[in-house]
Amino acid sequence: MPLDKVLGEFTVNGDRQQTAFAPHKTLLEVLREDLGLTGTKHGCELGECGACTVLVDGKPVLSCLYLGLEAQGRDIRTIEGVADGPDLHPLQDAFAELNGSQCGYCSAGIILTAKQLLEKNPSPTRDEIKHALGGNICRCTGYIKIFESVELAAAKLRGEDAEPKKETLYGH
C-alpha cells in the first residue's frame, strides 16, 4: 500500500468494509469513489445543502465535511442501506407515492435526516419536521410534498392505516 493511503475499516449499511484511501478524503469521497456508493450526492461541498447527508452512528452527518478517517470504526448508513432488501422503507415509499422529490438529487439526504427524526420522534409535528430538515435544501418541490411524505411515513411506521390526502396526490 502506498504511503499516501490509509486503510479504513467501517460498517457501511450493516456490512464491514475495508478500503485504502488518501487521508485527506472526505467521507463523501470515500463512499462514492472507493466504495461505489453513489446514492450519496455531491452538492455544494460546503456543508450548506444537505445532499451528502448520511447517518454516522445513527446521527445525520454532512459527509462532505467529515473526513473518512473520522469514520473509522463507525456505523455508517447511506441511502443504499435504508430499504430492507427489496422492501422500501416507509419514507422511500411515501416519497415515491406523494412525489416528494422531483429531480431526486436531494432525496437521499432528506430521507436519511427524516429517518433519524422518526426514530427519535415517531409523531413529529409539521414544525418539528421543518426544523429537522432545515439543513436540507430542495430546489424543486417547494417542501410541502416533502413534509407530507414524512408525515405519511411517520403514520405508517406507527402502524396506522394511513392514506395520502387527496390534495397531496392531485396538487389541489
C-alpha atoms as a PDB file:
ATOM      1  CA  MET A   1       0.000   0.000   0.000  1.00  0.00           C
ATOM      2  CA  PRO A   2       1.442   3.406  -0.938  1.00  0.00           C
ATOM      3  CA  LEU A   3       2.397   5.717   1.918  1.00  0.00           C
ATOM      4  CA  ASP A   4      -0.145   8.275   0.805  1.00  0.00           C
ATOM      5  CA  LYS A   5      -3.049   5.977   1.686  1.00  0.00           C
ATOM      6  CA  VAL A   6      -4.588   4.759   4.915  1.00  0.00           C
ATOM      7  CA  LEU A   7      -6.580   1.602   5.468  1.00  0.00           C
ATOM      8  CA  GLY A   8     -10.094   2.408   6.599  1.00  0.00           C
ATOM      9  CA  GLU A   9     -12.478  -0.004   8.281  1.00  0.00           C
ATOM     10  CA  PHE A  10     -16.155   0.864   8.622  1.00  0.00           C
ATOM     11  CA  THR A  11     -19.519  -0.768   8.933  1.00  0.00           C
ATOM     12  CA  VAL A  12     -21.495   0.517   5.959  1.00  0.00           C
ATOM     13  CA  ASN A  13     -25.161  -0.415   5.683  1.00  0.00           C
ATOM     14  CA  GLY A  14     -24.583  -3.323   8.057  1.00  0.00           C
ATOM     15  CA  ASP A  15     -21.535  -4.754   6.236  1.00  0.00           C
ATOM     16  CA  ARG A  16     -17.925  -4.499   7.355  1.00  0.00           C
ATOM     17  CA  GLN A  17     -15.955  -2.615   4.715  1.00  0.00           C
ATOM     18  CA  GLN A  18     -12.254  -2.081   4.322  1.00  0.00           C
ATOM     19  CA  THR A  19     -10.658   0.222   1.787  1.00  0.00           C
ATOM     20  CA  ALA A  20      -7.453   2.176   1.235  1.00  0.00           C
ATOM     21  CA  PHE A  21      -7.879   5.896   0.612  1.00  0.00           C
ATOM     22  CA  ALA A  22      -5.969   9.155   0.794  1.00  0.00           C
ATOM     23  CA  PRO A  23      -6.170  10.552   4.351  1.00  0.00           C
ATOM     24  CA  HIS A  24      -7.444  13.928   3.123  1.00  0.00           C
ATOM     25  CA  LYS A  25     -10.548  12.386   1.506  1.00  0.00           C
ATOM     26  CA  THR A  26     -13.945  13.221   2.905  1.00  0.00           C
ATOM     27  CA  LEU A  27     -16.394  10.506   3.860  1.00  0.00           C
ATOM     28  CA  LEU A  28     -18.422  11.557   0.804  1.00  0.00           C
ATOM     29  CA  GLU A  29     -15.454  10.826  -1.470  1.00  0.00           C
ATOM     30  CA  VAL A  30     -14.674   7.519   0.242  1.00  0.00           C
ATOM     31  CA  LEU A  31     -18.291   6.370  -0.085  1.00  0.00           C
ATOM     32  CA  ARG A  32     -18.647   7.373  -3.743  1.00  0.00           C
ATOM     33  CA  GLU A  33     -15.164   6.823  -5.154  1.00  0.00           C
ATOM     34  CA  ASP A  34     -13.759   3.997  -3.054  1.00  0.00           C
ATOM     35  CA  LEU A  35     -16.855   2.041  -2.052  1.00  0.00           C
ATOM     36  CA  GLY A  36     -19.004   2.746  -5.151  1.00  0.00           C
ATOM     37  CA  LEU A  37     -21.989   4.004  -3.135  1.00  0.00           C
ATOM     38  CA  THR A  38     -23.167   6.816  -5.383  1.00  0.00           C
ATOM     39  CA  GLY A  39     -26.560   7.420  -3.759  1.00  0.00           C
ATOM     40  CA  THR A  40     -24.901   9.984  -1.507  1.00  0.00           C
ATOM     41  CA  LYS A  41     -24.687  13.108  -3.640  1.00  0.00           C
ATOM     42  CA  HIS A  42     -22.069  15.796  -4.158  1.00  0.00           C
ATOM     43  CA  GLY A  43     -23.922  19.038  -3.612  1.00  0.00           C
ATOM     44  CA  CYS A  44     -22.347  22.272  -2.513  1.00  0.00           C
ATOM     45  CA  GLU A  45     -19.364  20.578  -0.793  1.00  0.00           C
ATOM     46  CA  LEU A  46     -19.567  23.404   1.772  1.00  0.00           C
ATOM     47  CA  GLY A  47     -21.987  21.800   4.235  1.00  0.00           C
ATOM     48  CA  GLU A  48     -24.853  24.066   3.245  1.00  0.00           C
ATOM     49  CA  CYS A  49     -27.230  21.938   1.157  1.00  0.00           C
ATOM     50  CA  GLY A  50     -27.540  18.565   2.925  1.00  0.00           C
ATOM     51  CA  ALA A  51     -27.445  16.459  -0.277  1.00  0.00           C
ATOM     52  CA  CYS A  52     -24.499  14.499   1.128  1.00  0.00           C
ATOM     53  CA  THR A  53     -26.156  13.619   4.454  1.00  0.00           C
ATOM     54  CA  VAL A  54     -25.517  10.115   5.772  1.00  0.00           C
ATOM     55  CA  LEU A  55     -26.066   8.632   9.220  1.00  0.00           C
ATOM     56  CA  VAL A  56     -22.953   8.014  11.310  1.00  0.00           C
ATOM     57  CA  ASP A  57     -23.731   6.064  14.465  1.00  0.00           C
ATOM     58  CA  GLY A  58     -27.381   6.971  13.858  1.00  0.00           C
ATOM     59  CA  LYS A  59     -26.866  10.730  13.584  1.00  0.00           C
ATOM     60  CA  PRO A  60     -27.097  12.856  10.415  1.00  0.00           C
ATOM     61  CA  VAL A  61     -23.662  13.966   9.231  1.00  0.00           C
ATOM     62  CA  LEU A  62     -22.695  16.126   6.272  1.00  0.00           C
ATOM     63  CA  SER A  63     -20.297  13.707   4.623  1.00  0.00           C
ATOM     64  CA  CYS A  64     -18.674  16.482   2.549  1.00  0.00           C
ATOM     65  CA  LEU A  65     -17.298  17.982   5.787  1.00  0.00           C
ATOM     66  CA  TYR A  66     -16.496  14.728   7.579  1.00  0.00           C
ATOM     67  CA  LEU A  67     -13.148  13.095   6.915  1.00  0.00           C
ATOM     68  CA  GLY A  68     -13.102   9.423   6.025  1.00  0.00           C
ATOM     69  CA  LEU A  69     -10.576   8.989   8.845  1.00  0.00           C
ATOM     70  CA  GLU A  70     -13.170  10.259  11.336  1.00  0.00           C
ATOM     71  CA  ALA A  71     -15.494   7.462  10.254  1.00  0.00           C
ATOM     72  CA  GLN A  72     -13.037   4.707  11.230  1.00  0.00           C
ATOM     73  CA  GLY A  73     -14.860   2.004  13.192  1.00  0.00           C
ATOM     74  CA  ARG A  74     -18.197   3.782  12.972  1.00  0.00           C
ATOM     75  CA  ASP A  75     -21.563   2.572  11.725  1.00  0.00           C
ATOM     76  CA  ILE A  76     -22.470   4.381   8.506  1.00  0.00           C
ATOM     77  CA  ARG A  77     -25.867   4.249   6.830  1.00  0.00           C
ATOM     78  CA  THR A  78     -26.327   5.553   3.287  1.00  0.00           C
ATOM     79  CA  ILE A  79     -29.464   5.659   1.162  1.00  0.00           C
ATOM     80  CA  GLU A  80     -28.450   2.289  -0.313  1.00  0.00           C
ATOM     81  CA  GLY A  81     -28.930   0.763   3.148  1.00  0.00           C
ATOM     82  CA  VAL A  82     -32.323   2.231   4.035  1.00  0.00           C
ATOM     83  CA  ALA A  83     -34.515  -0.361   2.295  1.00  0.00           C
ATOM     84  CA  ASP A  84     -34.941  -3.823   3.771  1.00  0.00           C
ATOM     85  CA  GLY A  85     -33.835  -5.933   0.812  1.00  0.00           C
ATOM     86  CA  PRO A  86     -36.452  -5.454  -1.911  1.00  0.00           C
ATOM     87  CA  ASP A  87     -38.852  -3.726   0.517  1.00  0.00           C
ATOM     88  CA  LEU A  88     -38.607   0.048   0.529  1.00  0.00           C
ATOM     89  CA  HIS A  89     -38.502   1.890   3.828  1.00  0.00           C
ATOM     90  CA  PRO A  90     -41.810   3.684   4.517  1.00  0.00           C
ATOM     91  CA  LEU A  91     -40.049   7.001   3.875  1.00  0.00           C
ATOM     92  CA  GLN A  92     -38.938   5.838   0.433  1.00  0.00           C
ATOM     93  CA  ASP A  93     -42.447   4.543  -0.242  1.00  0.00           C
ATOM     94  CA  ALA A  94     -44.072   7.800   0.845  1.00  0.00           C
ATOM     95  CA  PHE A  95     -41.677   9.931  -1.224  1.00  0.00           C
ATOM     96  CA  ALA A  96     -42.470   7.825  -4.288  1.00  0.00           C
ATOM     97  CA  GLU A  97     -46.216   7.786  -3.614  1.00  0.00           C
ATOM     98  CA  LEU A  98     -46.525  11.538  -2.992  1.00  0.00           C
ATOM     99  CA  ASN A  99     -43.876  12.753  -5.445  1.00  0.00           C
ATOM    100  CA  GLY A 100     -41.860  14.073  -2.516  1.00  0.00           C
ATOM    101  CA  SER A 101     -38.964  14.591  -4.870  1.00  0.00           C
ATOM    102  CA  GLN A 102     -38.873  15.790  -8.408  1.00  0.00           C
ATOM    103  CA  CYS A 103     -35.304  15.551  -9.637  1.00  0.00           C
ATOM    104  CA  GLY A 104     -34.361  13.399  -6.628  1.00  0.00           C
ATOM    105  CA  TYR A 105     -30.918  14.909  -6.080  1.00  0.00           C
ATOM    106  CA  CYS A 106     -31.666  15.988  -2.511  1.00  0.00           C
ATOM    107  CA  SER A 107     -33.787  12.967  -1.612  1.00  0.00           C
ATOM    108  CA  ALA A 108     -31.103  10.729  -0.121  1.00  0.00           C
ATOM    109  CA  GLY A 109     -30.022  13.369   2.384  1.00  0.00           C
ATOM    110  CA  ILE A 110     -33.602  14.298   3.242  1.00  0.00           C
ATOM    111  CA  ILE A 111     -34.697  10.687   3.700  1.00  0.00           C
ATOM    112  CA  LEU A 112     -31.750   9.870   5.965  1.00  0.00           C
ATOM    113  CA  THR A 113     -32.330  13.013   8.041  1.00  0.00           C
ATOM    114  CA  ALA A 114     -36.051  12.202   8.289  1.00  0.00           C
ATOM    115  CA  LYS A 115     -35.255   8.588   9.216  1.00  0.00           C
ATOM    116  CA  GLN A 116     -33.275   9.749  12.218  1.00  0.00           C
ATOM    117  CA  LEU A 117     -36.059  12.178  13.180  1.00  0.00           C
ATOM    118  CA  LEU A 118     -38.717   9.436  13.075  1.00  0.00           C
ATOM    119  CA  GLU A 119     -36.531   7.068  15.105  1.00  0.00           C
ATOM    120  CA  LYS A 120     -36.228   9.765  17.773  1.00  0.00           C
ATOM    121  CA  ASN A 121     -39.769  11.126  17.475  1.00  0.00           C
ATOM    122  CA  PRO A 122     -42.366   8.838  15.852  1.00  0.00           C
ATOM    123  CA  SER A 123     -45.053  11.569  15.900  1.00  0.00           C
ATOM    124  CA  PRO A 124     -43.375  14.816  14.848  1.00  0.00           C
ATOM    125  CA  THR A 125     -45.381  17.958  14.249  1.00  0.00           C
ATOM    126  CA  ARG A 126     -45.034  19.797  10.938  1.00  0.00           C
ATOM    127  CA  ASP A 127     -42.816  22.360  12.715  1.00  0.00           C
ATOM    128  CA  GLU A 128     -40.568  19.611  14.098  1.00  0.00           C
ATOM    129  CA  ILE A 129     -40.223  18.147  10.595  1.00  0.00           C
ATOM    130  CA  LYS A 130     -39.380  21.602   9.200  1.00  0.00           C
ATOM    131  CA  HIS A 131     -36.779  22.122  11.911  1.00  0.00           C
ATOM    132  CA  ALA A 132     -35.188  18.687  11.427  1.00  0.00           C
ATOM    133  CA  LEU A 133     -34.968  19.159   7.653  1.00  0.00           C
ATOM    134  CA  GLY A 134     -33.774  22.757   7.927  1.00  0.00           C
ATOM    135  CA  GLY A 135     -30.285  21.849   6.699  1.00  0.00           C
ATOM    136  CA  ASN A 136     -31.559  20.064   3.585  1.00  0.00           C
ATOM    137  CA  ILE A 137     -32.182  22.201   0.536  1.00  0.00           C
ATOM    138  CA  CYS A 138     -34.513  21.215  -2.301  1.00  0.00           C
ATOM    139  CA  ARG A 139     -34.811  23.407  -5.366  1.00  0.00           C
ATOM    140  CA  CYS A 140     -37.707  21.534  -6.983  1.00  0.00           C
ATOM    141  CA  THR A 141     -40.602  20.732  -4.681  1.00  0.00           C
ATOM    142  CA  GLY A 142     -41.403  23.736  -2.539  1.00  0.00           C
ATOM    143  CA  TYR A 143     -41.131  21.427   0.517  1.00  0.00           C
ATOM    144  CA  ILE A 144     -44.859  20.770   1.089  1.00  0.00           C
ATOM    145  CA  LYS A 145     -44.751  17.329  -0.559  1.00  0.00           C
ATOM    146  CA  ILE A 146     -41.548  16.544   1.357  1.00  0.00           C
ATOM    147  CA  PHE A 147     -43.216  17.407   4.673  1.00  0.00           C
ATOM    148  CA  GLU A 148     -46.334  15.435   3.726  1.00  0.00           C
ATOM    149  CA  SER A 149     -44.175  12.448   2.707  1.00  0.00           C
ATOM    150  CA  VAL A 150     -42.506  12.452   6.136  1.00  0.00           C
ATOM    151  CA  GLU A 151     -45.903  12.732   7.844  1.00  0.00           C
ATOM    152  CA  LEU A 152     -47.301   9.815   5.833  1.00  0.00           C
ATOM    153  CA  ALA A 153     -44.233   7.673   6.547  1.00  0.00           C
ATOM    154  CA  ALA A 154     -44.483   8.508  10.261  1.00  0.00           C
ATOM    155  CA  ALA A 155     -48.105   7.355  10.314  1.00  0.00           C
ATOM    156  CA  LYS A 156     -47.204   4.127   8.507  1.00  0.00           C
ATOM    157  CA  LEU A 157     -44.304   3.484  10.890  1.00  0.00           C
ATOM    158  CA  ARG A 158     -46.709   3.942  13.822  1.00  0.00           C
ATOM    159  CA  GLY A 159     -48.854   1.195  12.284  1.00  0.00           C
ATOM    160  CA  GLU A 160     -51.689   3.481  11.265  1.00  0.00           C
ATOM    161  CA  ASP A 161     -53.706   2.744   8.155  1.00  0.00           C
ATOM    162  CA  ALA A 162     -52.576   5.986   6.547  1.00  0.00           C
ATOM    163  CA  GLU A 163     -53.531   7.241   3.136  1.00  0.00           C
ATOM    164  CA  PRO A 164     -52.256  10.375   1.458  1.00  0.00           C
ATOM    165  CA  LYS A 165     -54.578  13.372   1.414  1.00  0.00           C
ATOM    166  CA  LYS A 166     -56.292  13.852  -1.945  1.00  0.00           C
ATOM    167  CA  GLU A 167     -54.912  17.379  -2.195  1.00  0.00           C
ATOM    168  CA  THR A 168     -51.407  15.949  -1.811  1.00  0.00           C
ATOM    169  CA  LEU A 169     -51.921  13.400  -4.549  1.00  0.00           C
ATOM    170  CA  TYR A 170     -53.541  15.762  -7.010  1.00  0.00           C
ATOM    171  CA  GLY A 171     -51.851  19.012  -6.044  1.00  0.00           C
ATOM    172  CA  HIS A 172     -55.073  20.860  -5.155  1.00  0.00           C
END
